[in-house]
Amino acid sequence: MLGESLEGNKRVKASHQVRRAAPAASGLVAGLKTQNVGSTRYLDAAGFKGRSVGL
């Protein structure tokens, strides 16, 4: 959804977040990068740091 870019140049609150799971027995830690723009959440990347693009 790109509605926030089409609303008459109104400013929309945006934020980002990185969440990490507890380490697995192997030591790998899953991560999830998200952005919130207005009331819409975008999932940017998920996986393992050093093994997944975007983390």
PDB file of N, CA and C in Angstrom:
ATOM      1  N   MET A   1       0.853  -1.180   0.000  1.00  0.00           N
ATOM      2  CA  MET A   1       0.000   0.000   0.000  1.00  0.00           C
ATOM      3  C   MET A   1       0.889   1.230   0.000  1.00  0.00           C
ATOM      4  N   LEU A   2       0.584   2.155  -0.849  1.00  0.00           N
ATOM      5  CA  LEU A   2       1.353   3.389  -0.902  1.00  0.00           C
ATOM      6  C   LEU A   2       0.470   4.604  -0.669  1.00  0.00           C
ATOM      7  N   GLY A   3      -0.629   4.400  -0.008  1.00  0.00           N
ATOM      8  CA  GLY A   3      -1.570   5.483   0.243  1.00  0.00           C
ATOM      9  C   GLY A   3      -0.958   6.668   0.957  1.00  0.00           C
ATOM     10  N   GLU A   4       0.032   6.431   1.831  1.00  0.00           N
ATOM     11  CA  GLU A   4       0.624   7.540   2.571  1.00  0.00           C
ATOM     12  C   GLU A   4       1.354   8.511   1.662  1.00  0.00           C
ATOM     13  N   SER A   5       1.733   8.101   0.464  1.00  0.00           N
ATOM     14  CA  SER A   5       2.419   9.008  -0.463  1.00  0.00           C
ATOM     15  C   SER A   5       1.438   9.792  -1.327  1.00  0.00           C
ATOM     16  N   LEU A   6       0.160   9.502  -1.213  1.00  0.00           N
ATOM     17  CA  LEU A   6      -0.828  10.116  -2.087  1.00  0.00           C
ATOM     18  C   LEU A   6      -1.844  10.991  -1.352  1.00  0.00           C
ATOM     19  N   GLU A   7      -1.603  11.313  -0.107  1.00  0.00           N
ATOM     20  CA  GLU A   7      -2.597  12.022   0.687  1.00  0.00           C
ATOM     21  C   GLU A   7      -2.346  13.522   0.770  1.00  0.00           C
ATOM     22  N   GLY A   8      -2.153  14.185  -0.356  1.00  0.00           N
ATOM     23  CA  GLY A   8      -2.037  15.633  -0.379  1.00  0.00           C
ATOM     24  C   GLY A   8      -0.857  16.188   0.386  1.00  0.00           C
ATOM     25  N   ASN A   9       0.268  15.522   0.342  1.00  0.00           N
ATOM     26  CA  ASN A   9       1.502  15.968   0.983  1.00  0.00           C
ATOM     27  C   ASN A   9       1.403  16.091   2.498  1.00  0.00           C
ATOM     28  N   LYS A  10       0.480  15.376   3.119  1.00  0.00           N
ATOM     29  CA  LYS A  10       0.384  15.377   4.577  1.00  0.00           C
ATOM     30  C   LYS A  10       1.548  14.579   5.153  1.00  0.00           C
ATOM     31  N   ARG A  11       2.117  15.068   6.240  1.00  0.00           N
ATOM     32  CA  ARG A  11       3.179  14.321   6.920  1.00  0.00           C
ATOM     33  C   ARG A  11       2.569  13.108   7.617  1.00  0.00           C
ATOM     34  N   VAL A  12       3.255  11.984   7.494  1.00  0.00           N
ATOM     35  CA  VAL A  12       2.811  10.743   8.115  1.00  0.00           C
ATOM     36  C   VAL A  12       3.921  10.267   9.042  1.00  0.00           C
ATOM     37  N   LYS A  13       3.567   9.869  10.247  1.00  0.00           N
ATOM     38  CA  LYS A  13       4.555   9.381  11.202  1.00  0.00           C
ATOM     39  C   LYS A  13       5.136   8.055  10.706  1.00  0.00           C
ATOM     40  N   ALA A  14       6.464   7.949  10.755  1.00  0.00           N
ATOM     41  CA  ALA A  14       7.142   6.725  10.330  1.00  0.00           C
ATOM     42  C   ALA A  14       8.151   6.300  11.395  1.00  0.00           C
ATOM     43  N   SER A  15       8.312   5.008  11.561  1.00  0.00           N
ATOM     44  CA  SER A  15       9.295   4.475  12.498  1.00  0.00           C
ATOM     45  C   SER A  15       9.775   3.121  11.990  1.00  0.00           C
ATOM     46  N   HIS A  16      10.890   2.653  12.516  1.00  0.00           N
ATOM     47  CA  HIS A  16      11.380   1.333  12.141  1.00  0.00           C
ATOM     48  C   HIS A  16      11.747   0.559  13.402  1.00  0.00           C
ATOM     49  N   GLN A  17      11.815  -0.755  13.241  1.00  0.00           N
ATOM     50  CA  GLN A  17      12.078  -1.605  14.388  1.00  0.00           C
ATOM     51  C   GLN A  17      12.813  -2.856  13.925  1.00  0.00           C
ATOM     52  N   VAL A  18      13.709  -3.355  14.750  1.00  0.00           N
ATOM     53  CA  VAL A  18      14.376  -4.631  14.510  1.00  0.00           C
ATOM     54  C   VAL A  18      14.069  -5.509  15.709  1.00  0.00           C
ATOM     55  N   ARG A  19      13.517  -6.669  15.444  1.00  0.00           N
ATOM     56  CA  ARG A  19      13.205  -7.614  16.523  1.00  0.00           C
ATOM     57  C   ARG A  19      14.113  -8.828  16.366  1.00  0.00           C
ATOM     58  N   ARG A  20      14.556  -9.372  17.482  1.00  0.00           N
ATOM     59  CA  ARG A  20      15.417 -10.548  17.458  1.00  0.00           C
ATOM     60  C   ARG A  20      14.847 -11.601  18.396  1.00  0.00           C
ATOM     61  N   ALA A  21      14.908 -12.840  17.946  1.00  0.00           N
ATOM     62  CA  ALA A  21      14.471 -13.965  18.769  1.00  0.00           C
ATOM     63  C   ALA A  21      15.603 -14.379  19.699  1.00  0.00           C
ATOM     64  N   ALA A  22      15.281 -15.187  20.672  1.00  0.00           N
ATOM     65  CA  ALA A  22      16.309 -15.749  21.547  1.00  0.00           C
ATOM     66  C   ALA A  22      17.196 -16.671  20.712  1.00  0.00           C
ATOM     67  N   PRO A  23      18.477 -16.746  21.030  1.00  0.00           N
ATOM     68  CA  PRO A  23      19.377 -17.616  20.259  1.00  0.00           C
ATOM     69  C   PRO A  23      18.947 -19.081  20.322  1.00  0.00           C
ATOM     70  N   ALA A  24      19.058 -19.751  19.179  1.00  0.00           N
ATOM     71  CA  ALA A  24      18.785 -21.185  19.119  1.00  0.00           C
ATOM     72  C   ALA A  24      19.980 -21.942  19.699  1.00  0.00           C
ATOM     73  N   ALA A  25      19.846 -23.239  19.863  1.00  0.00           N
ATOM     74  CA  ALA A  25      20.939 -24.058  20.391  1.00  0.00           C
ATOM     75  C   ALA A  25      22.186 -23.940  19.514  1.00  0.00           C
ATOM     76  N   SER A  26      21.989 -23.685  18.228  1.00  0.00           N
ATOM     77  CA  SER A  26      23.106 -23.544  17.287  1.00  0.00           C
ATOM     78  C   SER A  26      23.792 -22.180  17.406  1.00  0.00           C
ATOM     79  N   GLY A  27      23.164 -21.257  18.145  1.00  0.00           N
ATOM     80  CA  GLY A  27      23.709 -19.913  18.294  1.00  0.00           C
ATOM     81  C   GLY A  27      23.123 -18.910  17.309  1.00  0.00           C
ATOM     82  N   LEU A  28      22.353 -19.389  16.329  1.00  0.00           N
ATOM     83  CA  LEU A  28      21.737 -18.474  15.359  1.00  0.00           C
ATOM     84  C   LEU A  28      20.607 -17.684  16.016  1.00  0.00           C
ATOM     85  N   VAL A  29      20.505 -16.424  15.619  1.00  0.00           N
ATOM     86  CA  VAL A  29      19.455 -15.540  16.134  1.00  0.00           C
ATOM     87  C   VAL A  29      18.642 -15.028  14.947  1.00  0.00           C
ATOM     88  N   ALA A  30      17.359 -15.337  14.934  1.00  0.00           N
ATOM     89  CA  ALA A  30      16.478 -14.866  13.863  1.00  0.00           C
ATOM     90  C   ALA A  30      16.156 -13.398  14.097  1.00  0.00           C
ATOM     91  N   GLY A  31      16.112 -12.630  13.004  1.00  0.00           N
ATOM     92  CA  GLY A  31      15.796 -11.212  13.095  1.00  0.00           C
ATOM     93  C   GLY A  31      14.687 -10.830  12.133  1.00  0.00           C
ATOM     94  N   LEU A  32      13.959  -9.771  12.460  1.00  0.00           N
ATOM     95  CA  LEU A  32      12.878  -9.255  11.624  1.00  0.00           C
ATOM     96  C   LEU A  32      12.965  -7.735  11.626  1.00  0.00           C
ATOM     97  N   LYS A  33      13.090  -7.127  10.433  1.00  0.00           N
ATOM     98  CA  LYS A  33      13.106  -5.667  10.296  1.00  0.00           C
ATOM     99  C   LYS A  33      11.765  -5.217   9.750  1.00  0.00           C
ATOM    100  N   THR A  34      11.145  -4.241  10.425  1.00  0.00           N
ATOM    101  CA  THR A  34       9.865  -3.706   9.984  1.00  0.00           C
ATOM    102  C   THR A  34       9.907  -2.184   9.969  1.00  0.00           C
ATOM    103  N   GLN A  35       8.966  -1.593   9.231  1.00  0.00           N
ATOM    104  CA  GLN A  35       8.733  -0.156   9.240  1.00  0.00           C
ATOM    105  C   GLN A  35       7.250   0.061   9.451  1.00  0.00           C
ATOM    106  N   ASN A  36       6.908   1.090  10.204  1.00  0.00           N
ATOM    107  CA  ASN A  36       5.522   1.525  10.330  1.00  0.00           C
ATOM    108  C   ASN A  36       5.425   2.906   9.714  1.00  0.00           C
ATOM    109  N   VAL A  37       4.541   3.042   8.731  1.00  0.00           N
ATOM    110  CA  VAL A  37       4.297   4.323   8.076  1.00  0.00           C
ATOM    111  C   VAL A  37       2.809   4.584   8.200  1.00  0.00           C
ATOM    112  N   GLY A  38       2.473   5.581   9.000  1.00  0.00           N
ATOM    113  CA  GLY A  38       1.058   5.796   9.297  1.00  0.00           C
ATOM    114  C   GLY A  38       0.542   4.568  10.038  1.00  0.00           C
ATOM    115  N   SER A  39      -0.527   3.982   9.558  1.00  0.00           N
ATOM    116  CA  SER A  39      -1.092   2.787  10.195  1.00  0.00           C
ATOM    117  C   SER A  39      -0.711   1.507   9.456  1.00  0.00           C
ATOM    118  N   THR A  40       0.225   1.597   8.523  1.00  0.00           N
ATOM    119  CA  THR A  40       0.631   0.436   7.726  1.00  0.00           C
ATOM    120  C   THR A  40       1.985  -0.079   8.175  1.00  0.00           C
ATOM    121  N   ARG A  41       2.092  -1.393   8.394  1.00  0.00           N
ATOM    122  CA  ARG A  41       3.367  -2.022   8.750  1.00  0.00           C
ATOM    123  C   ARG A  41       3.930  -2.709   7.510  1.00  0.00           C
ATOM    124  N   TYR A  42       5.209  -2.447   7.248  1.00  0.00           N
ATOM    125  CA  TYR A  42       5.926  -3.067   6.142  1.00  0.00           C
ATOM    126  C   TYR A  42       6.978  -4.011   6.702  1.00  0.00           C
ATOM    127  N   LEU A  43       7.038  -5.231   6.207  1.00  0.00           N
ATOM    128  CA  LEU A  43       8.066  -6.187   6.596  1.00  0.00           C
ATOM    129  C   LEU A  43       9.196  -6.064   5.593  1.00  0.00           C
ATOM    130  N   ASP A  44      10.382  -5.650   6.063  1.00  0.00           N
ATOM    131  CA  ASP A  44      11.501  -5.372   5.170  1.00  0.00           C
ATOM    132  C   ASP A  44      12.409  -6.572   4.956  1.00  0.00           C
ATOM    133  N   ALA A  45      12.744  -7.283   6.004  1.00  0.00           N
ATOM    134  CA  ALA A  45      13.644  -8.418   5.879  1.00  0.00           C
ATOM    135  C   ALA A  45      13.483  -9.320   7.090  1.00  0.00           C
ATOM    136  N   ALA A  46      13.738 -10.604   6.876  1.00  0.00           N
ATOM    137  CA  ALA A  46      13.714 -11.561   7.971  1.00  0.00           C
ATOM    138  C   ALA A  46      14.734 -12.650   7.693  1.00  0.00           C
ATOM    139  N   GLY A  47      15.321 -13.165   8.726  1.00  0.00           N
ATOM    140  CA  GLY A  47      16.296 -14.239   8.565  1.00  0.00           C
ATOM    141  C   GLY A  47      17.378 -14.148   9.621  1.00  0.00           C
ATOM    142  N   PHE A  48      18.599 -14.498   9.217  1.00  0.00           N
ATOM    143  CA  PHE A  48      19.718 -14.559  10.146  1.00  0.00           C
ATOM    144  C   PHE A  48      20.816 -13.597   9.708  1.00  0.00           C
ATOM    145  N   LYS A  49      21.298 -12.767  10.629  1.00  0.00           N
ATOM    146  CA  LYS A  49      22.350 -11.791  10.321  1.00  0.00           C
ATOM    147  C   LYS A  49      23.568 -12.527   9.743  1.00  0.00           C
ATOM    148  N   GLY A  50      24.069 -12.005   8.634  1.00  0.00           N
ATOM    149  CA  GLY A  50      25.209 -12.619   7.978  1.00  0.00           C
ATOM    150  C   GLY A  50      24.826 -13.728   7.023  1.00  0.00           C
ATOM    151  N   ARG A  51      23.567 -14.123   7.039  1.00  0.00           N
ATOM    152  CA  ARG A  51      23.091 -15.207   6.161  1.00  0.00           C
ATOM    153  C   ARG A  51      21.915 -14.776   5.294  1.00  0.00           C
ATOM    154  N   SER A  52      21.317 -13.637   5.609  1.00  0.00           N
ATOM    155  CA  SER A  52      20.135 -13.169   4.889  1.00  0.00           C
ATOM    156  C   SER A  52      20.384 -11.753   4.392  1.00  0.00           C
ATOM    157  N   VAL A  53      19.923 -11.456   3.191  1.00  0.00           N
ATOM    158  CA  VAL A  53      20.083 -10.113   2.616  1.00  0.00           C
ATOM    159  C   VAL A  53      19.181  -9.147   3.372  1.00  0.00           C
ATOM    160  N   GLY A  54      19.711  -7.987   3.718  1.00  0.00           N
ATOM    161  CA  GLY A  54      18.929  -6.946   4.353  1.00  0.00           C
ATOM    162  C   GLY A  54      19.033  -6.895   5.862  1.00  0.00           C
ATOM    163  N   LEU A  55      19.662  -7.884   6.448  1.00  0.00           N
ATOM    164  CA  LEU A  55      19.828  -7.865   7.899  1.00  0.00           C
ATOM    165  C   LEU A  55      21.256  -7.528   8.200  1.00  0.00           C
TER     166      LEU A  55
END
